[in-house]
């Protein structure tokens, strides 16, 4: 399994004595963004194992966003979960951020102990405002003119799924779930998720003044709230 992970994924795996935390990055992002490196360092310093990996990116052997679907990402996260189990991690903590939190709604939970949703999107209503079609009828994401990412037609079809599907999925999860929303971004979406959760163990907080990545303000609150949730 370790050889397969090495050959198939661009990843960072750090093994310590406590639980392992799987970080699933956001849509159009990568494992090497500042916030994921900060999270990794913080939890490693508290004795936790971590793994962060790319669902797609720029290296020649990595998958590309215009080649994959939501199901491909679900399969990838399940593969990483299997890897953690093969490394004898008995307790797995699953973290998702933004739109790609949705991937975590569909993975297998047999070895997952707790779930954390960091400023999750409720669905694709907002995202579709930033999806365009070029003259060749290919779809791409253009966020605030920062960058352009082409997506597969299968993924575009995934974008059209109604938000009610995701609310229904989270209602079926019986694991402990915590939602940390950013006041200046998707806090309202987090509230809708929270109200749909049927698990007996659930929490929802909003970090004041925080932006979507918690990098401008709110990172300390985010990290400490996450740590308290794991250790409870």
C-alpha atoms as a PDB file:
ATOM      1  CA  UNK A   1       0.000   0.000   0.000  1.00  0.00           C
ATOM      2  CA  UNK A   2       2.826   2.420   0.852  1.00  0.00           C
ATOM      3  CA  UNK A   3       4.453   1.860  -2.538  1.00  0.00           C
ATOM      4  CA  UNK A   4       1.115   2.455  -4.260  1.00  0.00           C
ATOM      5  CA  UNK A   5       0.629   5.737  -2.403  1.00  0.00           C
ATOM      6  CA  UNK A   6       4.167   6.834  -3.280  1.00  0.00           C
ATOM      7  CA  UNK A   7       3.656   6.047  -6.951  1.00  0.00           C
ATOM      8  CA  UNK A   8       0.145   7.468  -7.248  1.00  0.00           C
ATOM      9  CA  UNK A   9      -0.003  10.592  -5.081  1.00  0.00           C
ATOM     10  CA  UNK A  10       1.966  13.714  -4.298  1.00  0.00           C
ATOM     11  CA  UNK A  11       1.691  13.630  -0.516  1.00  0.00           C
ATOM     12  CA  UNK A  12       3.251  14.486   2.852  1.00  0.00           C
ATOM     13  CA  UNK A  13       2.924  11.855   5.578  1.00  0.00           C
ATOM     14  CA  UNK A  14       4.294  12.482   9.074  1.00  0.00           C
ATOM     15  CA  UNK A  15       3.902   9.755  11.660  1.00  0.00           C
ATOM     16  CA  UNK A  16       3.668  10.511  15.386  1.00  0.00           C
ATOM     17  CA  UNK A  17       2.193   8.753  18.409  1.00  0.00           C
ATOM     18  CA  UNK A  18      -1.385  10.086  18.351  1.00  0.00           C
ATOM     19  CA  UNK A  19      -4.342   9.981  15.941  1.00  0.00           C
ATOM     20  CA  UNK A  20      -3.763  10.613  12.259  1.00  0.00           C
ATOM     21  CA  UNK A  21      -5.417  13.608  10.639  1.00  0.00           C
ATOM     22  CA  UNK A  22      -6.269  13.527   6.933  1.00  0.00           C
ATOM     23  CA  UNK A  23      -6.441  16.956   5.296  1.00  0.00           C
ATOM     24  CA  UNK A  24      -8.541  17.171   2.117  1.00  0.00           C
ATOM     25  CA  UNK A  25      -7.733  20.407   0.278  1.00  0.00           C
ATOM     26  CA  UNK A  26     -10.210  22.758  -1.368  1.00  0.00           C
ATOM     27  CA  UNK A  27     -11.328  22.984  -4.983  1.00  0.00           C
ATOM     28  CA  UNK A  28      -8.596  24.347  -7.322  1.00  0.00           C
ATOM     29  CA  UNK A  29      -6.151  24.210  -4.388  1.00  0.00           C
ATOM     30  CA  UNK A  30      -3.268  21.963  -3.434  1.00  0.00           C
ATOM     31  CA  UNK A  31      -1.765  20.386  -0.329  1.00  0.00           C
ATOM     32  CA  UNK A  32       1.098  22.893  -0.315  1.00  0.00           C
ATOM     33  CA  UNK A  33      -0.874  26.027   0.390  1.00  0.00           C
ATOM     34  CA  UNK A  34       0.067  27.980   3.492  1.00  0.00           C
ATOM     35  CA  UNK A  35      -2.960  27.009   5.557  1.00  0.00           C
ATOM     36  CA  UNK A  36      -2.378  23.252   5.155  1.00  0.00           C
ATOM     37  CA  UNK A  37       1.293  23.573   6.053  1.00  0.00           C
ATOM     38  CA  UNK A  38       0.325  25.570   9.153  1.00  0.00           C
ATOM     39  CA  UNK A  39      -2.245  22.962  10.163  1.00  0.00           C
ATOM     40  CA  UNK A  40       0.240  20.146   9.642  1.00  0.00           C
ATOM     41  CA  UNK A  41       2.949  21.854  11.732  1.00  0.00           C
ATOM     42  CA  UNK A  42       0.527  22.685  14.536  1.00  0.00           C
ATOM     43  CA  UNK A  43      -0.778  19.141  14.928  1.00  0.00           C
ATOM     44  CA  UNK A  44       2.629  17.531  14.494  1.00  0.00           C
ATOM     45  CA  UNK A  45       3.873  19.705  17.359  1.00  0.00           C
ATOM     46  CA  UNK A  46       1.025  18.308  19.474  1.00  0.00           C
ATOM     47  CA  UNK A  47       2.030  14.722  18.707  1.00  0.00           C
ATOM     48  CA  UNK A  48      -0.487  13.930  15.958  1.00  0.00           C
ATOM     49  CA  UNK A  49       0.246  12.114  12.720  1.00  0.00           C
ATOM     50  CA  UNK A  50      -0.855  13.904   9.554  1.00  0.00           C
ATOM     51  CA  UNK A  51      -1.238  13.283   5.855  1.00  0.00           C
ATOM     52  CA  UNK A  52      -1.963  15.879   3.190  1.00  0.00           C
ATOM     53  CA  UNK A  53      -2.069  14.994  -0.489  1.00  0.00           C
ATOM     54  CA  UNK A  54      -2.999  16.380  -3.883  1.00  0.00           C
ATOM     55  CA  UNK A  55      -6.204  15.291  -5.526  1.00  0.00           C
ATOM     56  CA  UNK A  56      -4.720  16.825  -8.704  1.00  0.00           C
ATOM     57  CA  UNK A  57      -2.037  19.389  -9.602  1.00  0.00           C
ATOM     58  CA  UNK A  58       0.790  20.311 -11.961  1.00  0.00           C
ATOM     59  CA  UNK A  59       3.292  17.467 -11.866  1.00  0.00           C
ATOM     60  CA  UNK A  60       3.239  15.346 -15.044  1.00  0.00           C
ATOM     61  CA  UNK A  61       2.051  12.212 -13.265  1.00  0.00           C
ATOM     62  CA  UNK A  62      -0.619  13.944 -11.193  1.00  0.00           C
ATOM     63  CA  UNK A  63      -4.273  14.015 -12.172  1.00  0.00           C
ATOM     64  CA  UNK A  64      -5.623  17.202 -13.716  1.00  0.00           C
ATOM     65  CA  UNK A  65      -8.853  18.939 -12.778  1.00  0.00           C
ATOM     66  CA  UNK A  66     -10.114  18.703 -16.359  1.00  0.00           C
ATOM     67  CA  UNK A  67      -9.790  14.899 -16.171  1.00  0.00           C
ATOM     68  CA  UNK A  68     -11.581  14.034 -12.930  1.00  0.00           C
ATOM     69  CA  UNK A  69     -15.007  13.842 -11.343  1.00  0.00           C
ATOM     70  CA  UNK A  70     -16.313  13.985  -7.789  1.00  0.00           C
ATOM     71  CA  UNK A  71     -16.251  10.178  -7.741  1.00  0.00           C
ATOM     72  CA  UNK A  72     -12.539  10.154  -8.576  1.00  0.00           C
ATOM     73  CA  UNK A  73     -11.880  12.321  -5.536  1.00  0.00           C
ATOM     74  CA  UNK A  74     -14.047  10.120  -3.328  1.00  0.00           C
ATOM     75  CA  UNK A  75     -12.046   7.097  -4.482  1.00  0.00           C
ATOM     76  CA  UNK A  76      -8.777   8.926  -3.777  1.00  0.00           C
ATOM     77  CA  UNK A  77      -9.773   9.835  -0.220  1.00  0.00           C
ATOM     78  CA  UNK A  78     -10.873   6.242   0.378  1.00  0.00           C
ATOM     79  CA  UNK A  79      -7.460   5.069  -0.862  1.00  0.00           C
ATOM     80  CA  UNK A  80      -5.728   7.394   1.598  1.00  0.00           C
ATOM     81  CA  UNK A  81      -7.983   6.135   4.407  1.00  0.00           C
ATOM     82  CA  UNK A  82      -7.018   2.560   3.490  1.00  0.00           C
ATOM     83  CA  UNK A  83      -3.367   3.589   3.546  1.00  0.00           C
ATOM     84  CA  UNK A  84      -3.740   5.019   7.059  1.00  0.00           C
ATOM     85  CA  UNK A  85      -5.380   1.789   8.222  1.00  0.00           C
ATOM     86  CA  UNK A  86      -2.561  -0.237   6.645  1.00  0.00           C
ATOM     87  CA  UNK A  87      -0.119   1.878   8.672  1.00  0.00           C
ATOM     88  CA  UNK A  88      -1.932   0.727  11.842  1.00  0.00           C
ATOM     89  CA  UNK A  89      -3.682   3.995  12.578  1.00  0.00           C
ATOM     90  CA  UNK A  90      -6.708   3.011  14.651  1.00  0.00           C
ATOM     91  CA  UNK A  91      -8.151   6.509  14.983  1.00  0.00           C
ATOM     92  CA  UNK A  92      -8.565   8.719  11.924  1.00  0.00           C
ATOM     93  CA  UNK A  93      -9.710  12.328  12.056  1.00  0.00           C
ATOM     94  CA  UNK A  94     -11.062  13.627   8.735  1.00  0.00           C
ATOM     95  CA  UNK A  95     -10.786  17.321   7.855  1.00  0.00           C
ATOM     96  CA  UNK A  96     -12.296  18.977   4.790  1.00  0.00           C
ATOM     97  CA  UNK A  97     -12.297  22.572   3.641  1.00  0.00           C
ATOM     98  CA  UNK A  98     -14.622  24.639   1.454  1.00  0.00           C
ATOM     99  CA  UNK A  99     -16.203  23.025  -1.617  1.00  0.00           C
ATOM    100  CA  UNK A 100     -14.157  19.859  -1.396  1.00  0.00           C
ATOM    101  CA  UNK A 101     -15.585  19.113   2.008  1.00  0.00           C
ATOM    102  CA  UNK A 102     -18.353  17.609  -0.115  1.00  0.00           C
ATOM    103  CA  UNK A 103     -15.984  14.775  -1.086  1.00  0.00           C
ATOM    104  CA  UNK A 104     -15.902  13.719   2.562  1.00  0.00           C
ATOM    105  CA  UNK A 105     -19.670  13.281   2.620  1.00  0.00           C
ATOM    106  CA  UNK A 106     -19.321  10.182   0.436  1.00  0.00           C
ATOM    107  CA  UNK A 107     -16.254   8.353   1.767  1.00  0.00           C
ATOM    108  CA  UNK A 108     -16.316   5.205   3.894  1.00  0.00           C
ATOM    109  CA  UNK A 109     -16.462   5.914   7.615  1.00  0.00           C
ATOM    110  CA  UNK A 110     -15.497   2.526   9.087  1.00  0.00           C
ATOM    111  CA  UNK A 111     -12.236   3.854  10.521  1.00  0.00           C
ATOM    112  CA  UNK A 112     -13.158   7.528  10.932  1.00  0.00           C
ATOM    113  CA  UNK A 113     -13.644   8.650  14.526  1.00  0.00           C
ATOM    114  CA  UNK A 114     -14.417  12.353  14.145  1.00  0.00           C
ATOM    115  CA  UNK A 115     -15.074  14.843  11.367  1.00  0.00           C
ATOM    116  CA  UNK A 116     -14.203  18.518  11.068  1.00  0.00           C
ATOM    117  CA  UNK A 117     -15.713  20.843   8.455  1.00  0.00           C
ATOM    118  CA  UNK A 118     -13.748  24.049   7.937  1.00  0.00           C
ATOM    119  CA  UNK A 119     -15.859  26.779   6.371  1.00  0.00           C
ATOM    120  CA  UNK A 120     -17.728  24.240   4.217  1.00  0.00           C
ATOM    121  CA  UNK A 121     -19.759  25.059   1.138  1.00  0.00           C
ATOM    122  CA  UNK A 122     -23.348  23.915   1.117  1.00  0.00           C
ATOM    123  CA  UNK A 123     -23.212  23.125  -2.575  1.00  0.00           C
ATOM    124  CA  UNK A 124     -22.600  24.688  -5.938  1.00  0.00           C
ATOM    125  CA  UNK A 125     -24.989  27.644  -6.017  1.00  0.00           C
ATOM    126  CA  UNK A 126     -22.236  30.198  -5.450  1.00  0.00           C
ATOM    127  CA  UNK A 127     -19.577  28.333  -7.407  1.00  0.00           C
ATOM    128  CA  UNK A 128     -21.672  28.150 -10.574  1.00  0.00           C
ATOM    129  CA  UNK A 129     -21.565  31.941 -10.762  1.00  0.00           C
ATOM    130  CA  UNK A 130     -17.844  31.575 -11.509  1.00  0.00           C
ATOM    131  CA  UNK A 131     -18.096  28.734 -14.035  1.00  0.00           C
ATOM    132  CA  UNK A 132     -17.967  29.796 -17.683  1.00  0.00           C
ATOM    133  CA  UNK A 133     -17.988  28.157 -21.082  1.00  0.00           C
ATOM    134  CA  UNK A 134     -15.389  28.930 -23.730  1.00  0.00           C
ATOM    135  CA  UNK A 135     -15.952  29.028 -27.500  1.00  0.00           C
ATOM    136  CA  UNK A 136     -15.295  25.279 -27.659  1.00  0.00           C
ATOM    137  CA  UNK A 137     -18.026  24.594 -25.074  1.00  0.00           C
ATOM    138  CA  UNK A 138     -15.523  23.601 -22.426  1.00  0.00           C
ATOM    139  CA  UNK A 139     -16.208  24.711 -18.860  1.00  0.00           C
ATOM    140  CA  UNK A 140     -13.745  26.477 -16.606  1.00  0.00           C
ATOM    141  CA  UNK A 141     -13.660  28.123 -13.179  1.00  0.00           C
ATOM    142  CA  UNK A 142     -12.534  31.742 -13.054  1.00  0.00           C
ATOM    143  CA  UNK A 143     -12.421  33.033  -9.492  1.00  0.00           C
ATOM    144  CA  UNK A 144     -12.185  36.817  -9.239  1.00  0.00           C
ATOM    145  CA  UNK A 145      -9.742  36.850 -12.169  1.00  0.00           C
ATOM    146  CA  UNK A 146      -7.089  35.225  -9.954  1.00  0.00           C
ATOM    147  CA  UNK A 147      -6.731  32.101 -12.033  1.00  0.00           C
ATOM    148  CA  UNK A 148      -8.536  29.906 -14.511  1.00  0.00           C
ATOM    149  CA  UNK A 149      -9.024  26.150 -14.138  1.00  0.00           C
ATOM    150  CA  UNK A 150     -10.663  23.994 -16.780  1.00  0.00           C
ATOM    151  CA  UNK A 151     -12.867  21.207 -15.422  1.00  0.00           C
ATOM    152  CA  UNK A 152     -14.154  17.972 -16.903  1.00  0.00           C
ATOM    153  CA  UNK A 153     -17.718  17.724 -18.138  1.00  0.00           C
ATOM    154  CA  UNK A 154     -18.303  14.999 -15.534  1.00  0.00           C
ATOM    155  CA  UNK A 155     -17.269  17.420 -12.808  1.00  0.00           C
ATOM    156  CA  UNK A 156     -19.469  20.135 -14.272  1.00  0.00           C
ATOM    157  CA  UNK A 157     -22.404  17.724 -14.046  1.00  0.00           C
ATOM    158  CA  UNK A 158     -21.451  17.095 -10.413  1.00  0.00           C
ATOM    159  CA  UNK A 159     -21.642  20.852  -9.852  1.00  0.00           C
ATOM    160  CA  UNK A 160     -25.307  20.770 -10.854  1.00  0.00           C
ATOM    161  CA  UNK A 161     -26.337  18.479  -8.011  1.00  0.00           C
ATOM    162  CA  UNK A 162     -28.832  20.173  -5.654  1.00  0.00           C
ATOM    163  CA  UNK A 163     -27.645  21.262  -2.218  1.00  0.00           C
ATOM    164  CA  UNK A 164     -30.400  19.152  -0.668  1.00  0.00           C
ATOM    165  CA  UNK A 165     -28.396  16.072  -1.616  1.00  0.00           C
ATOM    166  CA  UNK A 166     -25.519  17.174   0.621  1.00  0.00           C
ATOM    167  CA  UNK A 167     -27.829  18.030   3.498  1.00  0.00           C
ATOM    168  CA  UNK A 168     -29.335  14.559   3.186  1.00  0.00           C
ATOM    169  CA  UNK A 169     -25.867  12.966   3.169  1.00  0.00           C
ATOM    170  CA  UNK A 170     -24.737  14.707   6.336  1.00  0.00           C
ATOM    171  CA  UNK A 171     -27.976  13.770   8.092  1.00  0.00           C
ATOM    172  CA  UNK A 172     -26.994  10.108   7.621  1.00  0.00           C
ATOM    173  CA  UNK A 173     -23.618  10.456   9.365  1.00  0.00           C
ATOM    174  CA  UNK A 174     -23.665   9.346  12.996  1.00  0.00           C
ATOM    175  CA  UNK A 175     -20.068  10.344  13.785  1.00  0.00           C
ATOM    176  CA  UNK A 176     -19.140  13.378  15.907  1.00  0.00           C
ATOM    177  CA  UNK A 177     -19.007  16.428  13.630  1.00  0.00           C
ATOM    178  CA  UNK A 178     -17.732  19.937  14.237  1.00  0.00           C
ATOM    179  CA  UNK A 179     -18.181  22.885  11.875  1.00  0.00           C
ATOM    180  CA  UNK A 180     -15.954  25.951  12.043  1.00  0.00           C
ATOM    181  CA  UNK A 181     -17.279  28.768   9.884  1.00  0.00           C
ATOM    182  CA  UNK A 182     -15.569  31.973   8.801  1.00  0.00           C
ATOM    183  CA  UNK A 183     -17.669  35.049   9.574  1.00  0.00           C
ATOM    184  CA  UNK A 184     -16.789  36.781   6.310  1.00  0.00           C
ATOM    185  CA  UNK A 185     -17.340  33.819   4.022  1.00  0.00           C
ATOM    186  CA  UNK A 186     -19.456  30.641   4.343  1.00  0.00           C
ATOM    187  CA  UNK A 187     -20.771  30.852   7.909  1.00  0.00           C
ATOM    188  CA  UNK A 188     -24.394  30.720   6.699  1.00  0.00           C
ATOM    189  CA  UNK A 189     -23.679  27.538   4.779  1.00  0.00           C
ATOM    190  CA  UNK A 190     -22.127  26.043   7.901  1.00  0.00           C
ATOM    191  CA  UNK A 191     -25.281  26.859   9.834  1.00  0.00           C
ATOM    192  CA  UNK A 192     -27.408  25.011   7.272  1.00  0.00           C
ATOM    193  CA  UNK A 193     -25.190  21.958   7.598  1.00  0.00           C
ATOM    194  CA  UNK A 194     -25.322  22.122  11.390  1.00  0.00           C
ATOM    195  CA  UNK A 195     -29.114  22.191  11.405  1.00  0.00           C
ATOM    196  CA  UNK A 196     -29.187  19.094   9.182  1.00  0.00           C
ATOM    197  CA  UNK A 197     -26.838  17.012  11.345  1.00  0.00           C
ATOM    198  CA  UNK A 198     -28.562  14.249  13.295  1.00  0.00           C
ATOM    199  CA  UNK A 199     -25.469  13.051  15.194  1.00  0.00           C
ATOM    200  CA  UNK A 200     -25.734  13.371  18.970  1.00  0.00           C
ATOM    201  CA  UNK A 201     -22.271  14.944  19.040  1.00  0.00           C
ATOM    202  CA  UNK A 202     -22.117  18.115  16.996  1.00  0.00           C
ATOM    203  CA  UNK A 203     -20.728  21.616  17.383  1.00  0.00           C
ATOM    204  CA  UNK A 204     -20.781  24.800  15.333  1.00  0.00           C
ATOM    205  CA  UNK A 205     -18.778  27.964  15.887  1.00  0.00           C
ATOM    206  CA  UNK A 206     -18.161  31.052  13.794  1.00  0.00           C
ATOM    207  CA  UNK A 207     -14.712  32.629  13.952  1.00  0.00           C
ATOM    208  CA  UNK A 208     -15.143  36.444  14.089  1.00  0.00           C
ATOM    209  CA  UNK A 209     -13.591  38.448  11.257  1.00  0.00           C
ATOM    210  CA  UNK A 210     -12.131  35.324   9.642  1.00  0.00           C
ATOM    211  CA  UNK A 211     -11.700  35.039   5.899  1.00  0.00           C
ATOM    212  CA  UNK A 212     -12.221  31.776   4.026  1.00  0.00           C
ATOM    213  CA  UNK A 213      -8.687  30.433   4.542  1.00  0.00           C
ATOM    214  CA  UNK A 214      -8.309  31.823   8.086  1.00  0.00           C
ATOM    215  CA  UNK A 215      -4.887  33.136   7.033  1.00  0.00           C
ATOM    216  CA  UNK A 216      -5.598  36.841   7.516  1.00  0.00           C
ATOM    217  CA  UNK A 217      -7.255  36.449  10.904  1.00  0.00           C
ATOM    218  CA  UNK A 218      -8.668  33.627  13.005  1.00  0.00           C
ATOM    219  CA  UNK A 219      -6.007  30.954  12.422  1.00  0.00           C
ATOM    220  CA  UNK A 220      -5.196  30.580  16.135  1.00  0.00           C
ATOM    221  CA  UNK A 221      -8.883  30.165  16.959  1.00  0.00           C
ATOM    222  CA  UNK A 222      -9.308  27.654  14.155  1.00  0.00           C
ATOM    223  CA  UNK A 223      -6.345  25.552  15.271  1.00  0.00           C
ATOM    224  CA  UNK A 224      -7.183  25.589  18.971  1.00  0.00           C
ATOM    225  CA  UNK A 225     -10.846  24.792  18.367  1.00  0.00           C
ATOM    226  CA  UNK A 226      -9.785  21.905  16.124  1.00  0.00           C
ATOM    227  CA  UNK A 227      -7.363  20.576  18.714  1.00  0.00           C
ATOM    228  CA  UNK A 228      -9.939  20.774  21.492  1.00  0.00           C
ATOM    229  CA  UNK A 229     -12.406  18.858  19.329  1.00  0.00           C
ATOM    230  CA  UNK A 230      -9.939  16.064  18.674  1.00  0.00           C
ATOM    231  CA  UNK A 231      -8.832  15.713  22.263  1.00  0.00           C
ATOM    232  CA  UNK A 232     -12.255  15.806  23.854  1.00  0.00           C
END
